[in-house]
Amino acid sequence: MTSITAGLLPCFLHSFSGEQKTLISFWRPIHHGAYVITDNCIKDSLCVEVCPTDCIHPKQDEPGFEAATQMYVDPEGCLDCGACVPACGSDSIHALEDVPEEKKEFIEKNAAHFKN
């Protein structure tokens, strides 16, 4: 039997209005490959520090970091949380649907980095 929450991610929103505190919880679909890193990446690893699913590589302590021209988001591990976007200091991380036309090639480059 399949769970009714299969393929869903629990989400929690906190709302504070004066003395009033509200917690809203809900389920939303899991979207894989929701974010893409482009060639603006400066490899400062700030995105790695905030990623809850450890899907941004290569990390500074991994082989190939120095040779890599940028970091990449694993499309199978990305849960669409968006934590990496405000952490990025080089404006190189975009939601899949918001990748600029001239940077669309990086959608496949991110995926290709994790094939093998």
Protein backbone atom coordinates (compact mmCIF):
# COMPACT_ATOMS: atom_id res chain seq x y z
CA MET A 1 0.00 0.00 0.00
CA THR A 2 1.34 3.46 -0.90
CA SER A 3 1.39 6.21 1.69
CA ILE A 4 -0.70 9.27 0.88
CA THR A 5 2.34 11.39 1.70
CA ALA A 6 4.68 9.61 -0.74
CA GLY A 7 6.38 12.18 -2.95
CA LEU A 8 5.47 15.01 -0.59
CA LEU A 9 7.69 17.16 1.59
CA PRO A 10 6.52 18.47 4.96
CA CYS A 11 6.74 22.27 5.17
CA PHE A 12 6.32 24.59 8.11
CA LEU A 13 5.73 28.34 8.07
CA HIS A 14 6.03 30.51 11.14
CA SER A 15 4.08 33.74 11.24
CA PHE A 16 4.69 36.41 13.86
CA SER A 17 2.40 39.40 14.17
CA GLY A 18 2.94 41.32 17.37
CA GLU A 19 2.20 38.93 20.22
CA GLN A 20 0.41 36.48 17.88
CA LYS A 21 2.44 33.45 16.76
CA THR A 22 1.11 31.00 14.21
CA LEU A 23 2.59 27.76 12.90
CA ILE A 24 1.23 26.52 9.59
CA SER A 25 2.17 23.06 8.40
CA PHE A 26 1.39 21.54 5.01
CA TRP A 27 2.65 19.03 2.47
CA ARG A 28 3.96 20.01 -0.96
CA PRO A 29 5.21 17.95 -3.88
CA ILE A 30 8.92 17.18 -4.07
CA HIS A 31 10.47 18.63 -7.22
CA HIS A 32 13.84 17.25 -8.24
CA GLY A 33 16.37 19.44 -9.97
CA ALA A 34 14.68 22.64 -8.96
CA TYR A 35 17.81 24.83 -8.98
CA VAL A 36 20.74 25.30 -11.36
CA ILE A 37 24.16 26.88 -10.81
CA THR A 38 25.58 28.84 -13.74
CA ASP A 39 29.03 30.10 -14.73
CA ASN A 40 28.83 33.15 -12.45
CA CYS A 41 29.70 30.77 -9.59
CA ILE A 42 32.71 31.90 -7.55
CA LYS A 43 32.92 28.63 -5.55
CA ASP A 44 32.73 30.36 -2.16
CA SER A 45 30.72 27.37 -0.85
CA LEU A 46 28.15 29.49 0.98
CA CYS A 47 25.41 27.53 -0.79
CA VAL A 48 26.91 24.24 0.42
CA GLU A 49 26.72 25.39 4.03
CA VAL A 50 22.95 25.98 3.85
CA CYS A 51 21.90 23.06 1.63
CA PRO A 52 19.89 20.59 3.74
CA THR A 53 20.27 17.72 1.28
CA ASP A 54 24.00 17.92 0.54
CA CYS A 55 23.34 18.14 -3.20
CA ILE A 56 25.88 20.85 -4.18
CA HIS A 57 29.31 19.63 -5.28
CA PRO A 58 32.24 19.53 -5.58
CA LYS A 59 32.92 20.68 -2.04
CA GLN A 60 36.20 22.31 -1.10
CA ASP A 61 37.50 19.09 0.48
CA GLU A 62 36.51 16.86 -2.46
CA PRO A 63 38.77 15.78 -5.33
CA GLY A 64 38.23 17.91 -8.37
CA PHE A 65 37.25 21.09 -6.51
CA GLU A 66 40.28 23.07 -7.67
CA ALA A 67 39.85 21.96 -11.29
CA ALA A 68 36.10 22.62 -11.38
CA THR A 69 35.10 25.91 -12.96
CA GLN A 70 31.94 26.10 -10.84
CA MET A 71 29.81 24.14 -8.40
CA TYR A 72 26.80 22.06 -9.46
CA VAL A 73 23.38 21.11 -8.07
CA ASP A 74 22.54 17.41 -8.20
CA PRO A 75 19.07 17.34 -9.82
CA GLU A 76 18.23 14.08 -8.02
CA GLY A 77 19.02 15.49 -4.59
CA CYS A 78 17.59 19.01 -4.84
CA LEU A 79 14.31 19.34 -2.96
CA ASP A 80 13.38 22.85 -4.11
CA CYS A 81 13.85 24.43 -0.67
CA GLY A 82 15.57 27.52 -2.12
CA ALA A 83 18.00 27.92 0.79
CA CYS A 84 20.94 28.21 -1.61
CA VAL A 85 19.61 31.22 -3.53
CA PRO A 86 19.94 33.94 -0.87
CA ALA A 87 23.23 32.39 0.31
CA CYS A 88 24.81 32.76 -3.14
CA GLY A 89 26.97 35.86 -3.34
CA SER A 90 27.41 35.74 -7.10
CA ASP A 91 23.79 35.49 -8.28
CA SER A 92 24.62 32.23 -10.03
CA ILE A 93 21.82 30.03 -8.66
CA HIS A 94 18.48 30.10 -10.44
CA ALA A 95 15.23 28.21 -10.13
CA LEU A 96 14.94 25.82 -13.06
CA GLU A 97 12.10 27.82 -14.61
CA ASP A 98 13.99 31.13 -14.14
CA VAL A 99 17.32 30.23 -15.76
CA PRO A 100 18.08 33.06 -18.23
CA GLU A 101 17.86 32.00 -21.87
CA GLU A 102 21.58 32.56 -22.41
CA LYS A 103 22.36 30.24 -19.45
CA LYS A 104 20.02 27.33 -20.30
CA GLU A 105 23.03 25.14 -21.20
CA PHE A 106 23.83 24.95 -17.48
CA ILE A 107 20.70 22.91 -16.80
CA GLU A 108 22.31 19.98 -18.61
CA LYS A 109 25.80 20.80 -17.30
CA ASN A 110 24.57 20.49 -13.71
CA ALA A 111 22.93 17.14 -14.45
CA ALA A 112 25.93 15.89 -16.44
CA HIS A 113 28.30 16.56 -13.55
CA PHE A 114 26.51 13.85 -11.52
CA LYS A 115 26.21 11.18 -14.24
CA ASN A 116 28.60 8.24 -13.61
